[in-house]
Protein backbone atom coordinates (compact mmCIF):
# COMPACT_ATOMS: atom_id res chain seq x y z
CA ALA A 1 56.11 -78.18 17.04
CA LEU A 2 56.05 -79.39 20.72
CA CYS A 3 52.47 -79.92 21.13
CA GLY A 4 52.47 -81.61 17.92
CA ALA A 5 55.69 -83.86 19.19
CA ILE A 6 53.70 -84.82 21.99
CA ILE A 7 50.49 -85.58 20.50
CA VAL A 8 52.15 -87.82 17.86
CA GLY A 9 54.92 -89.52 19.85
CA PRO A 10 57.85 -91.33 18.73
CA ARG A 11 57.83 -93.79 15.71
CA ALA A 12 56.31 -97.20 15.74
CA GLY A 13 59.03 -99.44 17.36
CA ARG A 14 61.66 -96.68 17.88
CA TRP A 15 62.60 -98.15 21.14
CA ASP A 16 62.34 -101.37 20.62
CA GLU A 17 65.59 -103.03 20.98
CA GLU A 18 64.84 -105.91 18.44
CA LYS A 19 64.16 -103.05 15.98
CA GLU A 20 67.22 -100.83 16.97
CA ASP A 21 68.86 -101.87 13.47
CA GLU A 22 66.36 -100.84 11.56
CA PHE A 23 66.87 -96.97 12.21
CA GLU A 24 69.83 -95.65 10.89
CA GLY A 25 71.15 -92.36 10.71
CA HIS A 26 70.47 -89.88 7.93
CA SER A 27 71.94 -89.11 4.65
CA ILE A 28 75.04 -86.85 5.02
CA PRO A 29 74.83 -85.75 1.58
CA PHE A 30 71.19 -84.32 2.13
CA CYS A 31 72.16 -82.98 5.89
CA VAL A 32 75.35 -81.00 3.83
CA LEU A 33 73.14 -79.95 1.00
CA GLY A 34 70.11 -78.78 3.36
CA THR A 35 72.65 -76.55 5.23
CA PHE A 36 73.98 -75.12 2.18
CA PHE A 37 70.62 -74.19 1.43
CA LEU A 38 69.98 -72.48 4.69
CA TRP A 39 73.21 -71.00 4.73
CA PHE A 40 72.31 -69.30 0.88
CA GLY A 41 68.93 -68.43 2.53
CA TRP A 42 70.52 -66.30 5.23
CA TYR A 43 72.27 -64.29 2.88
CA GLY A 44 68.78 -62.66 1.75
CA PHE A 45 67.90 -62.14 5.33
CA ASN A 46 70.88 -60.87 7.31
CA PRO A 47 72.19 -58.12 4.47
CA GLY A 48 68.78 -57.53 3.85
CA SER A 49 68.08 -56.57 7.54
CA THR A 50 69.72 -53.40 6.85
CA LEU A 51 66.53 -52.35 5.01
CA SER A 52 68.46 -50.36 2.45
CA MET A 53 71.71 -49.46 1.03
CA HIS A 54 70.89 -45.80 0.27
CA THR A 55 74.17 -44.16 1.72
CA ALA A 56 77.69 -45.71 1.91
CA GLU A 57 77.51 -46.32 5.35
CA ALA A 58 74.27 -48.73 4.83
CA ALA A 59 76.27 -50.47 2.13
CA ASN A 60 79.43 -51.10 4.42
CA LEU A 61 77.17 -52.43 7.14
CA ALA A 62 75.30 -54.87 4.63
CA GLY A 63 78.88 -56.11 3.60
CA ILE A 64 80.23 -56.62 7.35
CA VAL A 65 76.65 -58.59 7.94
CA ALA A 66 77.36 -60.61 4.40
CA VAL A 67 81.14 -61.13 6.02
CA ASN A 68 79.81 -62.38 9.16
CA THR A 69 77.19 -64.59 7.70
CA THR A 70 79.97 -66.26 5.93
CA LEU A 71 82.35 -66.31 8.67
CA SER A 72 80.16 -67.96 11.74
CA PRO A 73 79.12 -71.09 9.82
CA CYS A 74 82.95 -71.44 8.80
CA VAL A 75 83.85 -71.25 11.88
CA ALA A 76 81.09 -73.21 13.58
CA GLY A 77 82.05 -76.21 11.10
CA LEU A 78 85.81 -76.41 12.63
CA VAL A 79 84.93 -75.98 16.17
CA VAL A 80 82.22 -79.31 15.55
CA PHE A 81 85.05 -81.26 13.65
């Protein structure tokens, strides 16, 4: 990705002071929607990382992982704002 960014370079007119007002911020609803998509995807990945729930201990571990997956972005959101 870094090599691609170096080769492609910045957007045309990105650093021109005359065109500064043309580059607006991103859509906040789409940023939030993308965050929820990623967050939902982590529920499949993180608890699934325990590889199986064949015992009660493994199921408890997957539950703790799911709770951590829930609490981490919540705390991050509170810290950011």
